[in-house]
Amino acid sequence: MVERSFSWITRYRRLNTIFEQTKEHLVAFVEIAFISILSRRLKRLVTQAAPA
């Protein structure tokens, strides 16, 4: 599960190289990336479950 999460995050170009000045900025960008990933997955699940 952890390896899969790391592979999802590597798709975000800003997180491939760590050049943030503070750890708080890095944590914020990781959170934004995961929110984006999970919202896309949730949207896909909701549209699949909707009756046609």
Protein backbone atom coordinates (compact mmCIF):
# COMPACT_ATOMS: atom_id res chain seq x y z
CA MET A 1 0.00 0.00 0.00
CA VAL A 2 2.79 2.43 0.85
CA GLU A 3 4.66 1.76 -2.40
CA ARG A 4 1.49 2.43 -4.37
CA SER A 5 1.01 5.74 -2.58
CA PHE A 6 4.57 6.76 -3.36
CA SER A 7 4.07 5.93 -7.03
CA TRP A 8 0.92 8.08 -7.13
CA ILE A 9 2.80 10.99 -5.63
CA THR A 10 5.66 10.79 -8.14
CA ARG A 11 3.22 11.92 -10.83
CA TYR A 12 3.26 15.37 -9.24
CA ARG A 13 6.25 17.14 -10.74
CA ARG A 14 6.68 19.56 -7.85
CA LEU A 15 7.11 16.69 -5.39
CA ASN A 16 9.74 14.83 -7.44
CA THR A 17 12.48 17.16 -6.26
CA ILE A 18 12.28 18.59 -2.79
CA PHE A 19 13.12 22.25 -2.94
CA GLU A 20 10.69 23.59 -0.38
CA GLN A 21 12.17 25.84 2.27
CA THR A 22 10.24 24.41 5.20
CA LYS A 23 8.87 21.01 6.06
CA GLU A 24 5.43 22.58 6.52
CA HIS A 25 5.39 23.53 2.82
CA LEU A 26 6.38 20.02 1.81
CA VAL A 27 3.68 18.48 3.99
CA ALA A 28 1.11 20.88 2.55
CA PHE A 29 2.00 19.93 -1.04
CA VAL A 30 1.84 16.22 -0.20
CA GLU A 31 -1.61 16.76 1.34
CA ILE A 32 -2.76 18.67 -1.75
CA ALA A 33 -1.51 15.87 -3.98
CA PHE A 34 -3.35 13.20 -2.01
CA ILE A 35 -6.54 15.26 -1.91
CA SER A 36 -6.36 15.59 -5.68
CA ILE A 37 -5.72 11.86 -6.15
CA LEU A 38 -8.48 10.78 -3.80
CA SER A 39 -11.03 13.23 -5.20
CA ARG A 40 -10.42 11.92 -8.73
CA ARG A 41 -10.81 8.35 -7.53
CA LEU A 42 -13.99 9.22 -5.62
CA LYS A 43 -15.45 10.98 -8.66
CA ARG A 44 -14.73 7.89 -10.78
CA LEU A 45 -16.44 5.62 -8.23
CA VAL A 46 -19.50 7.85 -7.99
CA THR A 47 -19.95 8.05 -11.75
CA GLN A 48 -19.60 4.26 -12.09
CA ALA A 49 -22.22 3.66 -9.40
CA ALA A 50 -24.77 6.07 -10.92
CA PRO A 51 -27.57 4.32 -12.78
CA ALA A 52 -27.59 4.92 -16.51
